[in-house]
Amino acid sequence: MLYVISGPSGCGKSTLIRRLLNEMKATVRFSVSHTTRAKRSMELHGKDYYFISEEEFQSLVRKGAFLEWAAVHGHHYGTSWREIESKLEQGDLILDIDVQGARQVKAKHPRAVFVFVVPSRLEELRRRLELRGTNSPESIRERLAVAKGEVEAFEEFDYIVVNDLVEKAAQELRSIIVCGKCRRDSRLEEMSAIINSYRLEAGS
């Protein structure tokens, strides 16, 4: 199953996803996106993002290599088809993308599960962006302005996680993933084997 986790910049979705992956690393994988922004000090190439040049990114766009891509706060981000296809074969897959990207994925992969993460107040979002220490006051104002529009998109998502208390929000996200494993379309292969076993036993 493909899970798309989205929300305004600073909503805390990456923190929640890291917790989820630590708890469910045996069955859940993370889709690593490509980006043209600079690598932050604690980030690793190939783990957090594939950090590439603008020229490399545009070349991949021309080749149709991305499931989704978008310009976000002055940089480009994209999810490659290769990343999705190879990791989905191994189990459940998590995408951490913005609202623009989520809409593109929904148009091409409507059976995915879409989760919107948001703090309950704009001031909390501002506080988190300021605590990062990586954004200028102008950048923070821009991100908050975008967030005001993005929060209106909540109706496009299957689930809403209000991220005020990290522990509670992490538990909610984990519950969504566990619930998704019980969806009919997630268990078609398993049910096929079960049905065959019932038929064999009924005929014996």
Protein backbone atom coordinates (compact mmCIF):
# COMPACT_ATOMS: atom_id res chain seq x y z
CA MET A 1 0.00 0.00 0.00
CA LEU A 2 1.18 3.51 -0.82
CA TYR A 3 0.72 6.12 1.94
CA VAL A 4 1.03 9.80 1.06
CA ILE A 5 1.78 12.00 4.09
CA SER A 6 1.37 15.70 3.40
CA GLY A 7 0.84 19.04 5.12
CA PRO A 8 2.23 22.57 5.40
CA SER A 9 5.96 23.13 5.76
CA GLY A 10 6.81 22.83 9.48
CA CYS A 11 3.77 20.68 10.36
CA GLY A 12 6.04 17.94 11.74
CA LYS A 13 5.24 15.20 9.24
CA SER A 14 8.90 14.23 8.83
CA THR A 15 9.27 13.76 12.60
CA LEU A 16 6.17 11.57 12.70
CA ILE A 17 7.38 9.52 9.75
CA ARG A 18 10.77 8.92 11.39
CA ARG A 19 9.02 7.60 14.49
CA LEU A 20 6.80 5.38 12.38
CA LEU A 21 9.73 3.93 10.45
CA ASN A 22 11.60 3.18 13.69
CA GLU A 23 8.58 1.29 15.02
CA MET A 24 7.59 -0.50 11.81
CA LYS A 25 10.87 -0.74 9.89
CA ALA A 26 10.31 -4.42 9.15
CA THR A 27 7.19 -3.75 7.08
CA VAL A 28 7.18 -0.05 6.10
CA ARG A 29 9.63 1.71 3.80
CA PHE A 30 10.32 5.34 2.97
CA SER A 31 10.31 6.81 -0.52
CA VAL A 32 13.36 9.04 -0.90
CA SER A 33 12.62 12.13 -3.00
CA HIS A 34 14.94 14.09 -5.26
CA THR A 35 15.57 17.74 -4.44
CA THR A 36 17.61 20.66 -5.71
CA ARG A 37 17.91 22.34 -2.31
CA ALA A 38 21.14 22.22 -0.33
CA LYS A 39 21.70 19.37 2.12
CA ARG A 40 21.25 20.30 5.78
CA SER A 41 23.92 19.30 8.28
CA MET A 42 22.10 16.25 9.71
CA GLU A 43 20.79 14.95 6.36
CA LEU A 44 22.22 12.09 4.33
CA HIS A 45 22.17 11.70 0.56
CA GLY A 46 20.10 8.66 -0.38
CA LYS A 47 18.44 8.46 3.03
CA ASP A 48 16.68 11.80 3.53
CA TYR A 49 16.80 12.98 -0.10
CA TYR A 50 18.69 12.48 -3.33
CA PHE A 51 20.41 15.87 -3.55
CA ILE A 52 20.92 16.78 -7.21
CA SER A 53 21.58 19.88 -9.32
CA GLU A 54 18.89 21.88 -11.09
CA GLU A 55 20.26 20.61 -14.43
CA GLU A 56 19.98 16.96 -13.32
CA PHE A 57 16.45 17.55 -12.04
CA GLN A 58 15.26 19.14 -15.28
CA SER A 59 16.80 16.28 -17.25
CA LEU A 60 14.76 13.79 -15.19
CA VAL A 61 11.61 15.88 -15.78
CA ARG A 62 12.16 15.75 -19.55
CA LYS A 63 12.60 11.98 -19.38
CA GLY A 64 9.30 11.57 -17.51
CA ALA A 65 11.13 10.01 -14.57
CA PHE A 66 8.88 11.50 -11.86
CA LEU A 67 5.56 10.30 -10.52
CA GLU A 68 5.19 13.82 -9.14
CA TRP A 69 7.32 16.91 -8.92
CA ALA A 70 6.86 20.52 -7.84
CA ALA A 71 8.62 23.80 -7.17
CA VAL A 72 8.40 24.45 -3.42
CA HIS A 73 9.82 27.57 -1.73
CA GLY A 74 12.37 28.16 -4.48
CA HIS A 75 13.56 24.57 -4.91
CA HIS A 76 12.40 21.54 -6.88
CA TYR A 77 11.27 18.26 -5.33
CA GLY A 78 10.22 15.06 -7.07
CA THR A 79 9.38 11.39 -6.51
CA SER A 80 10.74 9.04 -9.14
CA TRP A 81 8.74 6.18 -10.64
CA ARG A 82 11.76 3.90 -10.10
CA GLU A 83 11.75 4.62 -6.35
CA ILE A 84 8.03 3.89 -6.05
CA GLU A 85 7.96 0.73 -8.14
CA SER A 86 11.02 -0.89 -6.58
CA LYS A 87 10.01 -0.24 -2.96
CA LEU A 88 6.30 -1.02 -3.33
CA GLU A 89 7.30 -4.55 -4.31
CA GLN A 90 8.84 -4.91 -0.84
CA GLY A 91 5.81 -3.78 1.19
CA ASP A 92 4.08 -0.62 2.41
CA LEU A 93 5.64 2.63 1.26
CA ILE A 94 5.53 6.15 2.78
CA LEU A 95 5.76 9.36 0.74
CA ASP A 96 6.55 12.65 2.51
CA ILE A 97 5.44 15.32 0.01
CA ASP A 98 3.72 18.69 -0.19
CA VAL A 99 0.09 19.28 -1.14
CA GLN A 100 0.96 19.96 -4.80
CA GLY A 101 2.69 16.61 -5.03
CA ALA A 102 -0.12 14.80 -3.20
CA ARG A 103 -2.59 16.02 -5.81
CA GLN A 104 -0.40 14.71 -8.63
CA VAL A 105 -0.07 11.31 -6.96
CA LYS A 106 -3.83 11.13 -6.41
CA ALA A 107 -4.43 11.68 -10.13
CA LYS A 108 -2.06 8.84 -11.05
CA HIS A 109 -2.39 6.51 -8.04
CA PRO A 110 -5.92 7.00 -6.62
CA ARG A 111 -5.81 3.80 -4.54
CA ALA A 112 -3.12 5.29 -2.30
CA VAL A 113 -4.00 6.41 1.24
CA PHE A 114 -3.71 10.18 1.75
CA VAL A 115 -2.96 11.66 5.20
CA PHE A 116 -2.94 15.38 6.03
CA VAL A 117 -0.82 16.53 9.00
CA VAL A 118 -1.41 19.98 10.53
CA PRO A 119 -0.96 21.78 13.88
CA SER A 120 -4.18 23.23 15.28
CA ARG A 121 -2.96 26.85 15.17
CA LEU A 122 -0.99 28.95 12.70
CA GLU A 123 1.09 30.35 15.57
CA GLU A 124 2.29 26.85 16.42
CA LEU A 125 3.39 26.39 12.82
CA ARG A 126 5.24 29.72 13.00
CA ARG A 127 6.97 28.64 16.22
CA ARG A 128 8.18 25.39 14.67
CA LEU A 129 9.52 27.12 11.58
CA GLU A 130 11.41 29.61 13.76
CA LEU A 131 12.84 26.82 15.93
CA ARG A 132 14.35 25.16 12.86
CA GLY A 133 16.85 27.99 12.62
CA THR A 134 17.24 27.36 8.88
CA ASN A 135 14.65 29.79 7.51
CA SER A 136 14.92 33.56 7.17
CA PRO A 137 12.04 35.75 8.42
CA GLU A 138 11.05 36.30 4.78
CA SER A 139 11.04 32.55 4.12
CA ILE A 140 8.90 31.95 7.20
CA ARG A 141 6.37 34.56 6.09
CA GLU A 142 6.23 32.91 2.66
CA ARG A 143 5.74 29.43 4.13
CA LEU A 144 2.96 30.64 6.43
CA ALA A 145 1.21 32.34 3.53
CA VAL A 146 1.33 29.08 1.54
CA ALA A 147 0.13 27.15 4.60
CA LYS A 148 -3.03 29.26 4.81
CA GLY A 149 -4.00 27.96 1.38
CA GLU A 150 -2.82 24.39 1.96
CA VAL A 151 -4.93 23.90 5.08
CA GLU A 152 -8.02 24.43 2.94
CA ALA A 153 -7.10 21.24 1.06
CA PHE A 154 -7.85 18.94 3.98
CA GLU A 155 -11.03 17.65 2.30
CA GLU A 156 -8.89 16.06 -0.43
CA PHE A 157 -7.33 13.65 2.11
CA ASP A 158 -8.56 10.38 3.62
CA TYR A 159 -7.27 11.04 7.14
CA ILE A 160 -6.37 14.10 9.24
CA VAL A 161 -3.68 14.02 11.95
CA VAL A 162 -3.65 17.12 14.18
CA ASN A 163 -0.04 17.36 15.32
CA ASP A 164 -0.07 19.30 18.59
CA LEU A 165 1.17 16.47 20.82
CA VAL A 166 3.81 14.42 19.01
CA GLU A 167 3.14 11.19 20.91
CA LYS A 168 -0.59 11.33 20.17
CA ALA A 169 -0.07 12.27 16.51
CA ALA A 170 2.49 9.48 16.06
CA GLN A 171 0.04 6.97 17.53
CA GLU A 172 -2.69 8.17 15.17
CA LEU A 173 -0.43 7.85 12.14
CA ARG A 174 0.63 4.36 13.16
CA SER A 175 -3.04 3.39 13.58
CA ILE A 176 -3.77 4.57 10.04
CA ILE A 177 -0.98 2.37 8.66
CA VAL A 178 -2.12 -0.66 10.67
CA CYS A 179 -5.71 -0.09 9.55
CA GLY A 180 -4.55 0.18 5.94
CA LYS A 181 -3.05 -3.29 6.15
CA CYS A 182 -6.59 -4.63 6.73
CA ARG A 183 -8.12 -2.97 3.66
CA ARG A 184 -9.62 -5.36 1.15
CA ASP A 185 -7.30 -4.34 -1.68
CA SER A 186 -4.29 -4.80 0.63
CA ARG A 187 -5.23 -8.42 1.29
CA LEU A 188 -6.32 -9.66 -2.12
CA GLU A 189 -3.35 -12.02 -2.48
CA GLU A 190 -3.74 -13.29 1.08
CA MET A 191 -7.48 -13.81 0.61
CA SER A 192 -6.91 -15.69 -2.63
CA ALA A 193 -4.78 -18.22 -0.73
CA ILE A 194 -7.35 -18.42 2.08
CA ILE A 195 -10.21 -19.02 -0.36
CA ASN A 196 -8.24 -21.74 -2.12
CA SER A 197 -7.60 -23.47 1.20
CA TYR A 198 -11.33 -23.38 2.03
CA ARG A 199 -12.16 -24.87 -1.37
CA LEU A 200 -9.62 -27.63 -0.95
CA GLU A 201 -10.90 -28.51 2.52
CA ALA A 202 -14.53 -28.40 1.36
CA GLY A 203 -13.72 -30.84 -1.44
CA SER A 204 -11.84 -33.32 0.74
